[in-house]
Amino acid sequence: MAGAHVWKRPLLLYRISAPGGPVWGLGYGVFEAAGAARRARAELPAGLAGSHPWPHALADIGDRLVD
């Protein structure tokens, strides 16, 4: 999917710990405010937008990052 879409912002692929085991996350863009991140959801392809993404501060997930 990443190759078929022209991305307007940087992407970040990361892995975090979750109750059922590690999961992968996909970050899209760097924003100064959560409202700007929410508005940027309109830029996502339908397959990703349909998963109802929400903004997260990197500081909020930093302690959950895994190798």
Protein backbone atom coordinates (compact mmCIF):
# COMPACT_ATOMS: atom_id res chain seq x y z
CA MET A 1 0.00 0.00 0.00
CA ALA A 2 2.81 2.44 0.78
CA GLY A 3 4.12 2.29 -2.79
CA ALA A 4 0.73 2.97 -4.39
CA HIS A 5 0.07 6.24 -2.56
CA VAL A 6 1.93 9.54 -2.84
CA TRP A 7 2.68 10.43 0.76
CA LYS A 8 2.67 14.15 1.61
CA ARG A 9 4.40 13.74 4.97
CA PRO A 10 7.14 11.57 6.50
CA LEU A 11 6.23 8.04 7.62
CA LEU A 12 7.43 6.27 10.77
CA LEU A 13 7.09 2.52 11.27
CA TYR A 14 7.51 1.49 14.90
CA ARG A 15 6.84 -1.47 17.20
CA ILE A 16 5.32 -1.09 20.66
CA SER A 17 4.46 -3.43 23.49
CA ALA A 18 0.78 -4.29 23.87
CA PRO A 19 -1.13 -6.66 26.20
CA GLY A 20 -1.22 -9.46 23.59
CA GLY A 21 2.40 -8.96 22.52
CA PRO A 22 4.26 -6.42 20.36
CA VAL A 23 2.32 -4.66 17.60
CA TRP A 24 3.38 -2.41 14.74
CA GLY A 25 2.35 1.23 14.43
CA LEU A 26 2.53 3.59 11.49
CA GLY A 27 3.16 7.26 12.15
CA TYR A 28 2.29 9.89 9.57
CA GLY A 29 3.74 13.39 9.70
CA VAL A 30 4.91 15.72 12.41
CA PHE A 31 2.38 18.23 13.70
CA GLU A 32 2.43 21.07 16.20
CA ALA A 33 -1.05 20.28 17.52
CA ALA A 34 -3.44 17.32 17.70
CA GLY A 35 -6.02 19.24 15.65
CA ALA A 36 -3.61 19.49 12.72
CA ALA A 37 -2.94 15.75 12.96
CA ARG A 38 -6.67 15.00 12.94
CA ARG A 39 -7.15 17.16 9.84
CA ALA A 40 -4.30 15.32 8.09
CA ARG A 41 -6.29 12.08 8.27
CA ALA A 42 -8.04 13.29 5.12
CA GLU A 43 -4.71 12.78 3.26
CA LEU A 44 -4.57 9.06 4.08
CA PRO A 45 -5.59 6.39 1.58
CA ALA A 46 -9.02 4.86 2.26
CA GLY A 47 -7.51 1.59 3.54
CA LEU A 48 -5.74 3.40 6.36
CA ALA A 49 -8.34 6.06 7.00
CA GLY A 50 -10.91 3.30 7.46
CA SER A 51 -8.98 2.00 10.48
CA HIS A 52 -9.89 5.23 12.34
CA PRO A 53 -6.39 6.52 13.17
CA TRP A 54 -5.95 8.95 16.03
CA PRO A 55 -3.15 11.34 17.01
CA HIS A 56 -0.50 10.30 19.53
CA ALA A 57 2.40 12.33 20.86
CA LEU A 58 5.70 10.50 20.37
CA ALA A 59 6.43 11.12 24.04
CA ASP A 60 3.31 9.09 24.92
CA ILE A 61 4.49 5.98 23.06
CA GLY A 62 8.24 6.30 23.63
CA ASP A 63 8.30 4.16 26.78
CA ARG A 64 6.40 1.38 24.94
CA LEU A 65 8.81 1.09 21.99
CA VAL A 66 10.44 -2.33 21.60
CA ASP A 67 13.32 -3.65 19.49
